[in-house]
Amino acid sequence: MADLGASKTVIGSDLVGSLIRNLHPDIQHKVYRCACNVQFRFGNQATLGSNEALVVSLSDQLHLKIAVIPDPLHFFFRMLF
C-alpha cells in the first residue's frame, strides 16, 4: 500500500529475506544491517518503532536505508480494532 505522505522507507521483518533474494545478485552482497531508532506515527496516533535498518548500496553514492519494523500485520490488525 502506498503512503504518499511517507518520508521514510519501511519494510516488515517478515519480508526482509524475500527482498534480499529478489535483488540483483550484484546488489545482494552490498546489503547490510545497521542500528536505526525511528518511530512511525499513524493517523490514529498509534506508533511503531524500528531498531534496525537494511542499507542497500545501489552505487558508491546512492544508499537506500530501509527501516525494519517487527510483525507489521499484528500491529496493523491491532490498530484497526
N, C-alpha and C. Protein backbone atom coordinates (compact mmCIF):
# COMPACT_ATOMS: atom_id res chain seq x y z
N MET A 1 0.85 -1.16 0.00
CA MET A 1 0.00 0.00 0.00
C MET A 1 0.91 1.24 0.00
N ALA A 2 0.68 2.13 -0.89
CA ALA A 2 1.47 3.36 -0.98
C ALA A 2 0.97 4.39 0.03
N ASP A 3 1.91 5.08 0.63
CA ASP A 3 1.59 6.18 1.55
C ASP A 3 2.26 7.42 0.99
N LEU A 4 1.50 8.28 0.36
CA LEU A 4 2.07 9.44 -0.30
C LEU A 4 2.61 10.48 0.67
N GLY A 5 2.27 10.35 1.95
CA GLY A 5 2.80 11.27 2.95
C GLY A 5 4.03 10.72 3.66
N ALA A 6 4.46 9.53 3.27
CA ALA A 6 5.59 8.89 3.94
C ALA A 6 6.89 9.61 3.64
N SER A 7 7.73 9.71 4.66
CA SER A 7 9.03 10.35 4.48
C SER A 7 10.18 9.37 4.63
N LYS A 8 9.89 8.11 4.99
CA LYS A 8 10.91 7.09 5.16
C LYS A 8 10.47 5.80 4.49
N THR A 9 11.45 4.99 4.13
CA THR A 9 11.16 3.69 3.54
C THR A 9 11.13 2.66 4.66
N VAL A 10 10.14 1.77 4.63
CA VAL A 10 9.94 0.81 5.71
C VAL A 10 9.57 -0.54 5.12
N ILE A 11 9.96 -1.62 5.85
CA ILE A 11 9.60 -2.98 5.44
C ILE A 11 9.33 -3.79 6.70
N GLY A 12 8.40 -4.73 6.60
CA GLY A 12 8.13 -5.64 7.72
C GLY A 12 9.23 -6.68 7.81
N SER A 13 9.55 -7.09 9.03
CA SER A 13 10.64 -8.04 9.24
C SER A 13 10.39 -9.36 8.51
N ASP A 14 9.12 -9.71 8.31
CA ASP A 14 8.80 -10.96 7.62
C ASP A 14 9.10 -10.91 6.12
N LEU A 15 9.36 -9.73 5.56
CA LEU A 15 9.62 -9.60 4.13
C LEU A 15 11.08 -9.35 3.78
N VAL A 16 11.95 -9.21 4.78
CA VAL A 16 13.36 -8.88 4.53
C VAL A 16 14.04 -9.95 3.67
N GLY A 17 13.87 -11.21 4.03
CA GLY A 17 14.51 -12.29 3.28
C GLY A 17 14.08 -12.31 1.82
N SER A 18 12.80 -12.12 1.59
CA SER A 18 12.28 -12.09 0.22
C SER A 18 12.84 -10.92 -0.56
N LEU A 19 12.94 -9.75 0.07
CA LEU A 19 13.50 -8.59 -0.59
C LEU A 19 14.94 -8.87 -1.04
N ILE A 20 15.74 -9.39 -0.13
CA ILE A 20 17.15 -9.65 -0.46
C ILE A 20 17.27 -10.68 -1.56
N ARG A 21 16.48 -11.76 -1.49
CA ARG A 21 16.53 -12.81 -2.52
C ARG A 21 16.16 -12.28 -3.90
N ASN A 22 15.30 -11.26 -3.94
CA ASN A 22 14.83 -10.74 -5.23
C ASN A 22 15.66 -9.58 -5.77
N LEU A 23 16.69 -9.18 -5.05
CA LEU A 23 17.59 -8.16 -5.57
C LEU A 23 18.54 -8.79 -6.58
N HIS A 24 19.07 -7.99 -7.48
CA HIS A 24 20.06 -8.46 -8.44
C HIS A 24 21.26 -9.02 -7.65
N PRO A 25 21.85 -10.13 -8.10
CA PRO A 25 22.99 -10.72 -7.38
C PRO A 25 24.14 -9.74 -7.10
N ASP A 26 24.37 -8.79 -8.00
CA ASP A 26 25.43 -7.81 -7.76
C ASP A 26 25.10 -6.88 -6.60
N ILE A 27 23.81 -6.71 -6.31
CA ILE A 27 23.37 -5.82 -5.24
C ILE A 27 23.25 -6.60 -3.91
N GLN A 28 22.89 -7.89 -3.99
CA GLN A 28 22.66 -8.69 -2.78
C GLN A 28 23.82 -8.63 -1.80
N HIS A 29 25.03 -8.73 -2.29
CA HIS A 29 26.18 -8.76 -1.38
C HIS A 29 26.56 -7.37 -0.86
N LYS A 30 25.83 -6.35 -1.28
CA LYS A 30 26.07 -4.99 -0.81
C LYS A 30 25.01 -4.55 0.21
N VAL A 31 24.23 -5.49 0.71
CA VAL A 31 23.20 -5.19 1.71
C VAL A 31 23.77 -5.46 3.09
N TYR A 32 23.57 -4.51 4.00
CA TYR A 32 23.99 -4.74 5.38
C TYR A 32 22.97 -4.13 6.33
N ARG A 33 23.03 -4.53 7.58
CA ARG A 33 22.11 -4.03 8.61
C ARG A 33 22.84 -2.99 9.45
N CYS A 34 22.06 -2.06 9.97
CA CYS A 34 22.62 -1.06 10.88
C CYS A 34 21.56 -0.70 11.92
N ALA A 35 22.01 -0.05 12.98
CA ALA A 35 21.09 0.41 14.02
C ALA A 35 20.20 1.53 13.46
N CYS A 36 18.99 1.57 13.95
CA CYS A 36 18.03 2.57 13.49
C CYS A 36 17.07 2.83 14.63
N ASN A 37 16.85 4.06 14.97
CA ASN A 37 15.93 4.40 16.04
C ASN A 37 14.89 5.38 15.50
N VAL A 38 13.82 4.81 14.94
CA VAL A 38 12.78 5.61 14.30
C VAL A 38 11.42 5.19 14.86
N GLN A 39 10.57 6.16 15.10
CA GLN A 39 9.18 5.90 15.49
C GLN A 39 8.28 6.33 14.35
N PHE A 40 7.44 5.43 13.89
CA PHE A 40 6.46 5.76 12.85
C PHE A 40 5.13 6.07 13.52
N ARG A 41 4.53 7.17 13.15
CA ARG A 41 3.26 7.60 13.73
C ARG A 41 2.18 7.47 12.66
N PHE A 42 1.05 6.95 13.05
CA PHE A 42 -0.04 6.74 12.12
C PHE A 42 -1.20 7.67 12.45
N GLY A 43 -2.16 7.73 11.55
CA GLY A 43 -3.26 8.68 11.66
C GLY A 43 -4.05 8.61 12.94
N ASN A 44 -4.15 7.45 13.54
CA ASN A 44 -4.91 7.32 14.79
C ASN A 44 -4.01 7.48 16.01
N GLN A 45 -2.83 8.08 15.84
CA GLN A 45 -1.85 8.34 16.89
C GLN A 45 -1.13 7.09 17.39
N ALA A 46 -1.34 5.96 16.73
CA ALA A 46 -0.60 4.75 17.08
C ALA A 46 0.84 4.92 16.59
N THR A 47 1.78 4.30 17.29
CA THR A 47 3.18 4.37 16.88
C THR A 47 3.77 2.98 16.81
N LEU A 48 4.79 2.85 16.00
CA LEU A 48 5.51 1.60 15.84
C LEU A 48 6.98 1.95 15.65
N GLY A 49 7.84 1.29 16.41
CA GLY A 49 9.26 1.63 16.36
C GLY A 49 10.09 0.66 15.55
N SER A 50 11.21 1.15 15.09
CA SER A 50 12.19 0.35 14.37
C SER A 50 13.54 0.49 15.07
N ASN A 51 14.21 -0.64 15.31
CA ASN A 51 15.52 -0.63 15.94
C ASN A 51 16.64 -0.97 14.98
N GLU A 52 16.29 -1.42 13.80
CA GLU A 52 17.32 -1.75 12.82
C GLU A 52 16.86 -1.37 11.42
N ALA A 53 17.82 -1.25 10.52
CA ALA A 53 17.53 -0.92 9.13
C ALA A 53 18.42 -1.75 8.22
N LEU A 54 17.95 -1.93 7.01
CA LEU A 54 18.77 -2.51 5.95
C LEU A 54 19.31 -1.34 5.14
N VAL A 55 20.54 -1.44 4.74
CA VAL A 55 21.11 -0.45 3.83
C VAL A 55 21.47 -1.18 2.55
N VAL A 56 20.91 -0.72 1.46
CA VAL A 56 21.16 -1.31 0.14
C VAL A 56 22.03 -0.33 -0.62
N SER A 57 23.25 -0.74 -0.91
CA SER A 57 24.18 0.13 -1.65
C SER A 57 23.93 -0.05 -3.14
N LEU A 58 23.26 0.92 -3.73
CA LEU A 58 22.93 0.85 -5.15
C LEU A 58 24.08 1.34 -6.03
N SER A 59 24.91 2.22 -5.48
CA SER A 59 26.11 2.70 -6.17
C SER A 59 27.03 3.27 -5.08
N ASP A 60 28.18 3.79 -5.48
CA ASP A 60 29.09 4.37 -4.50
C ASP A 60 28.48 5.57 -3.79
N GLN A 61 27.55 6.25 -4.44
CA GLN A 61 26.98 7.46 -3.88
C GLN A 61 25.51 7.34 -3.49
N LEU A 62 24.90 6.20 -3.78
CA LEU A 62 23.47 6.04 -3.52
C LEU A 62 23.23 4.81 -2.64
N HIS A 63 22.79 5.09 -1.41
CA HIS A 63 22.50 4.03 -0.43
C HIS A 63 21.06 4.21 0.03
N LEU A 64 20.27 3.14 -0.08
CA LEU A 64 18.87 3.17 0.32
C LEU A 64 18.75 2.56 1.71
N LYS A 65 18.30 3.35 2.68
CA LYS A 65 18.13 2.88 4.05
C LYS A 65 16.66 2.53 4.25
N ILE A 66 16.40 1.29 4.67
CA ILE A 66 15.04 0.79 4.83
C ILE A 66 14.85 0.37 6.29
N ALA A 67 14.00 1.07 7.01
CA ALA A 67 13.71 0.73 8.40
C ALA A 67 12.94 -0.59 8.45
N VAL A 68 13.31 -1.45 9.38
CA VAL A 68 12.65 -2.75 9.54
C VAL A 68 11.75 -2.68 10.77
N ILE A 69 10.47 -2.97 10.55
CA ILE A 69 9.52 -2.98 11.67
C ILE A 69 9.14 -4.42 11.98
N PRO A 70 9.01 -4.74 13.26
CA PRO A 70 8.66 -6.11 13.65
C PRO A 70 7.17 -6.39 13.46
N ASP A 71 6.86 -7.59 12.99
CA ASP A 71 5.49 -8.11 12.94
C ASP A 71 4.44 -7.08 12.53
N PRO A 72 4.55 -6.52 11.32
CA PRO A 72 3.63 -5.45 10.92
C PRO A 72 2.17 -5.85 10.82
N LEU A 73 1.87 -7.09 10.43
CA LEU A 73 0.46 -7.48 10.30
C LEU A 73 -0.24 -7.46 11.65
N HIS A 74 0.43 -7.97 12.67
CA HIS A 74 -0.16 -7.95 14.02
C HIS A 74 -0.44 -6.51 14.44
N PHE A 75 0.49 -5.63 14.19
CA PHE A 75 0.32 -4.22 14.56
C PHE A 75 -0.86 -3.59 13.83
N PHE A 76 -0.93 -3.79 12.51
CA PHE A 76 -1.99 -3.14 11.74
C PHE A 76 -3.37 -3.68 12.09
N PHE A 77 -3.49 -4.99 12.37
CA PHE A 77 -4.78 -5.51 12.79
C PHE A 77 -5.18 -4.94 14.14
N ARG A 78 -4.21 -4.81 15.05
CA ARG A 78 -4.49 -4.24 16.37
C ARG A 78 -4.89 -2.76 16.23
N MET A 79 -4.26 -2.06 15.29
CA MET A 79 -4.54 -0.66 15.10
C MET A 79 -5.97 -0.43 14.55
N LEU A 80 -6.46 -1.39 13.76
CA LEU A 80 -7.78 -1.24 13.16
C LEU A 80 -8.92 -1.42 14.15
N PHE A 81 -8.69 -2.20 15.19
CA PHE A 81 -9.79 -2.54 16.09
C PHE A 81 -9.63 -1.92 17.46
